[in-house]
């Protein structure tokens, strides 16, 4: 139950901020809010324990991911962050039941948001993702939900692959992709409602 806020963290040798269990201590209900985290060698924020909040941070020039959510970290609330110029993905999700909303993600060298195989029931809502080198959003697992938001200037708008089933897309605007607005392969299934740009 810690609050970590209003800090300026720059040029960390590894992650800017990391939440990790220690023995029997399970660091839950922590709030990382209102920080400026720049030029981290690894990720700006790395979370390996669930039920934490990441909000209102500026995260830029991360050496790997802007925000990295480990497979042991379910139920993370990620909102209102500005994530810029990550060397890989802006936000990388490998766990379940996370809420990712109202983030502004720009100039990711990988994808804006990536949900990897094994990560289900994540809600990605009303994010603004611009200038991703790869995809705006990648979904590689079943039963994830993308609602509202704006994606522009990516190689692919939304990439649903790796046999991801029941990927739900609603009210999303996609503009100026290099290759495809929506890329569905490997028997993945997508339910798309009012997705502009297709």
Protein backbone atom coordinates (compact mmCIF):
# COMPACT_ATOMS: atom_id res chain seq x y z
CA UNK A 1 0.00 0.00 0.00
CA UNK A 2 2.61 2.51 -1.09
CA UNK A 3 2.22 5.68 -3.14
CA UNK A 4 5.15 6.55 -5.40
CA UNK A 5 4.49 9.91 -6.99
CA UNK A 6 5.91 13.20 -8.27
CA UNK A 7 9.42 11.83 -8.80
CA UNK A 8 11.82 12.58 -11.62
CA UNK A 9 13.76 9.43 -12.52
CA UNK A 10 16.33 9.51 -15.29
CA UNK A 11 19.04 7.25 -16.73
CA UNK A 12 18.30 4.21 -14.57
CA UNK A 13 20.74 1.37 -15.11
CA UNK A 14 17.80 -1.05 -15.43
CA UNK A 15 14.09 -0.25 -14.94
CA UNK A 16 12.98 3.20 -13.87
CA UNK A 17 10.49 1.76 -11.35
CA UNK A 18 10.02 -1.94 -10.52
CA UNK A 19 7.46 -3.62 -8.25
CA UNK A 20 8.55 -7.12 -7.29
CA UNK A 21 7.60 -9.55 -4.46
CA UNK A 22 10.15 -10.25 -1.76
CA UNK A 23 9.69 -13.53 0.08
CA UNK A 24 6.25 -13.59 1.71
CA UNK A 25 5.72 -9.88 1.05
CA UNK A 26 3.28 -9.31 -1.83
CA UNK A 27 3.41 -5.65 -2.96
CA UNK A 28 -0.22 -4.97 -3.93
CA UNK A 29 -2.38 -1.86 -3.95
CA UNK A 30 0.59 0.34 -4.82
CA UNK A 31 0.12 3.52 -6.83
CA UNK A 32 2.75 4.78 -9.28
CA UNK A 33 1.44 8.20 -10.26
CA UNK A 34 2.57 11.53 -11.63
CA UNK A 35 6.22 10.61 -12.18
CA UNK A 36 8.57 11.55 -15.01
CA UNK A 37 10.63 8.50 -15.98
CA UNK A 38 13.13 8.93 -18.79
CA UNK A 39 16.07 7.18 -20.42
CA UNK A 40 15.77 3.90 -18.50
CA UNK A 41 18.12 1.21 -19.80
CA UNK A 42 15.38 -1.46 -19.59
CA UNK A 43 11.69 -0.58 -19.05
CA UNK A 44 10.27 2.63 -17.67
CA UNK A 45 7.97 0.71 -15.29
CA UNK A 46 8.18 -3.04 -14.65
CA UNK A 47 5.46 -4.71 -12.53
CA UNK A 48 5.71 -8.35 -11.41
CA UNK A 49 2.87 -8.37 -8.86
CA UNK A 50 -0.88 -7.82 -9.37
CA UNK A 51 -3.45 -5.30 -8.15
CA UNK A 52 -1.45 -2.12 -8.63
CA UNK A 53 -2.12 1.22 -10.35
CA UNK A 54 0.01 3.06 -12.92
CA UNK A 55 -1.46 6.47 -13.71
CA UNK A 56 -0.58 9.95 -14.98
CA UNK A 57 3.10 9.26 -15.61
CA UNK A 58 5.37 10.56 -18.37
CA UNK A 59 7.56 7.68 -19.58
CA UNK A 60 9.99 8.39 -22.39
CA UNK A 61 13.06 7.01 -24.12
CA UNK A 62 12.88 3.58 -22.45
CA UNK A 63 15.54 1.10 -23.61
CA UNK A 64 13.01 -1.75 -23.89
CA UNK A 65 9.31 -1.28 -22.96
CA UNK A 66 7.61 1.84 -21.68
CA UNK A 67 5.46 -0.24 -19.30
CA UNK A 68 6.07 -3.97 -18.81
CA UNK A 69 3.41 -6.09 -17.04
CA UNK A 70 4.73 -9.53 -16.11
CA UNK A 71 2.66 -12.74 -16.35
CA UNK A 72 2.37 -12.82 -12.53
CA UNK A 73 0.75 -9.37 -12.44
CA UNK A 74 -3.03 -9.62 -12.96
CA UNK A 75 -5.50 -6.78 -12.43
CA UNK A 76 -3.28 -3.77 -13.11
CA UNK A 77 -4.91 -0.41 -13.79
CA UNK A 78 -2.92 1.56 -16.41
CA UNK A 79 -4.41 4.95 -17.23
CA UNK A 80 -3.60 8.46 -18.43
CA UNK A 81 0.08 7.79 -19.08
CA UNK A 82 2.14 9.43 -21.81
CA UNK A 83 4.53 6.81 -23.21
CA UNK A 84 6.95 8.07 -25.84
CA UNK A 85 9.84 6.63 -27.85
CA UNK A 86 10.10 3.15 -26.33
CA UNK A 87 12.71 1.01 -28.08
CA UNK A 88 10.24 -1.92 -28.12
CA UNK A 89 6.50 -1.82 -27.28
CA UNK A 90 4.95 1.11 -25.49
CA UNK A 91 2.90 -1.15 -23.18
CA UNK A 92 3.55 -4.91 -22.99
CA UNK A 93 0.92 -7.09 -21.29
CA UNK A 94 1.48 -10.76 -20.39
CA UNK A 95 -1.18 -11.18 -17.66
CA UNK A 96 -4.98 -11.21 -17.25
CA UNK A 97 -7.78 -8.84 -16.24
CA UNK A 98 -5.94 -5.56 -16.75
CA UNK A 99 -7.53 -2.19 -17.51
CA UNK A 100 -5.55 -0.09 -20.00
CA UNK A 101 -7.29 3.18 -20.83
CA UNK A 102 -6.77 6.82 -21.82
CA UNK A 103 -3.06 6.41 -22.48
CA UNK A 104 -1.19 8.40 -25.12
CA UNK A 105 1.44 6.18 -26.76
CA UNK A 106 3.71 7.63 -29.42
CA UNK A 107 6.75 6.61 -31.47
CA UNK A 108 7.09 3.05 -30.18
CA UNK A 109 9.82 1.20 -32.09
CA UNK A 110 7.80 -2.01 -31.64
CA UNK A 111 4.01 -1.87 -31.22
CA UNK A 112 1.97 0.60 -29.21
CA UNK A 113 0.32 -2.08 -27.05
CA UNK A 114 1.06 -5.81 -27.20
CA UNK A 115 -1.01 -8.51 -25.48
CA UNK A 116 0.96 -11.73 -25.71
CA UNK A 117 -0.08 -15.39 -25.75
CA UNK A 118 -1.55 -16.42 -22.39
CA UNK A 119 -2.96 -12.97 -21.47
CA UNK A 120 -6.78 -12.87 -21.47
CA UNK A 121 -9.68 -10.65 -20.50
CA UNK A 122 -7.80 -7.40 -20.87
CA UNK A 123 -9.74 -4.21 -21.59
CA UNK A 124 -8.01 -1.66 -23.82
CA UNK A 125 -10.18 1.44 -23.87
CA UNK A 126 -9.86 4.85 -25.52
CA UNK A 127 -6.10 4.92 -26.00
CA UNK A 128 -4.39 7.16 -28.53
CA UNK A 129 -1.59 5.32 -30.35
CA UNK A 130 0.44 7.16 -33.00
CA UNK A 131 3.57 6.38 -35.01
CA UNK A 132 4.23 2.77 -34.01
CA UNK A 133 6.90 1.10 -36.13
CA UNK A 134 5.05 -2.25 -36.06
CA UNK A 135 1.37 -2.43 -35.03
CA UNK A 136 -0.80 -0.03 -33.11
CA UNK A 137 -2.15 -2.96 -31.06
CA UNK A 138 -1.14 -6.64 -31.19
CA UNK A 139 -3.42 -9.32 -29.69
CA UNK A 140 -2.05 -12.86 -29.49
CA UNK A 141 -4.59 -14.43 -27.10
CA UNK A 142 -8.34 -15.09 -26.78
CA UNK A 143 -11.02 -12.95 -25.19
CA UNK A 144 -9.49 -9.48 -25.15
CA UNK A 145 -11.48 -6.31 -25.68
CA UNK A 146 -10.50 -3.13 -27.51
CA UNK A 147 -12.98 -0.27 -27.29
CA UNK A 148 -12.81 3.27 -28.67
CA UNK A 149 -9.46 4.94 -29.21
CA UNK A 150 -7.44 6.20 -32.16
CA UNK A 151 -4.59 4.52 -34.04
CA UNK A 152 -2.57 6.30 -36.73
CA UNK A 153 0.67 5.96 -38.68
CA UNK A 154 1.42 2.34 -37.81
CA UNK A 155 2.57 -0.41 -40.12
CA UNK A 156 -0.56 -2.36 -39.07
CA UNK A 157 -3.48 -0.86 -37.15
CA UNK A 158 -4.58 -3.94 -35.16
CA UNK A 159 -2.89 -7.33 -35.49
CA UNK A 160 -4.85 -10.36 -34.23
CA UNK A 161 -2.86 -13.56 -34.74
CA UNK A 162 -1.51 -16.68 -33.02
CA UNK A 163 -5.01 -18.29 -33.09
CA UNK A 164 -6.47 -15.54 -30.91
CA UNK A 165 -10.24 -16.10 -30.65
CA UNK A 166 -13.05 -13.72 -29.71
CA UNK A 167 -11.05 -10.53 -29.99
CA UNK A 168 -13.65 -7.77 -29.69
CA UNK A 169 -13.15 -4.40 -31.43
CA UNK A 170 -15.67 -1.58 -30.96
CA UNK A 171 -15.72 2.10 -32.00
CA UNK A 172 -12.06 2.38 -32.99
CA UNK A 173 -10.65 4.87 -35.52
CA UNK A 174 -7.67 3.71 -37.59
CA UNK A 175 -5.89 6.03 -40.01
CA UNK A 176 -2.87 6.09 -42.31
CA UNK A 177 -1.51 2.58 -41.88
CA UNK A 178 1.40 1.48 -44.05
CA UNK A 179 0.11 -2.05 -44.74
CA UNK A 180 -3.23 -3.06 -43.15
CA UNK A 181 -5.77 -1.45 -40.84
CA UNK A 182 -6.74 -4.89 -39.49
CA UNK A 183 -4.57 -8.00 -39.90
CA UNK A 184 -6.12 -11.35 -38.92
CA UNK A 185 -4.18 -14.57 -39.52
CA UNK A 186 -3.66 -18.11 -38.17
CA UNK A 187 -7.39 -18.83 -37.71
CA UNK A 188 -7.83 -15.95 -35.29
CA UNK A 189 -11.38 -14.57 -34.95
CA UNK A 190 -12.39 -10.96 -34.48
CA UNK A 191 -15.75 -9.33 -33.77
CA UNK A 192 -15.56 -5.77 -35.13
CA UNK A 193 -18.31 -3.16 -34.62
CA UNK A 194 -18.05 0.39 -35.97
CA UNK A 195 -14.32 0.31 -36.67
CA UNK A 196 -13.53 3.12 -39.09
CA UNK A 197 -10.78 2.85 -41.67
CA UNK A 198 -11.49 -0.78 -42.60
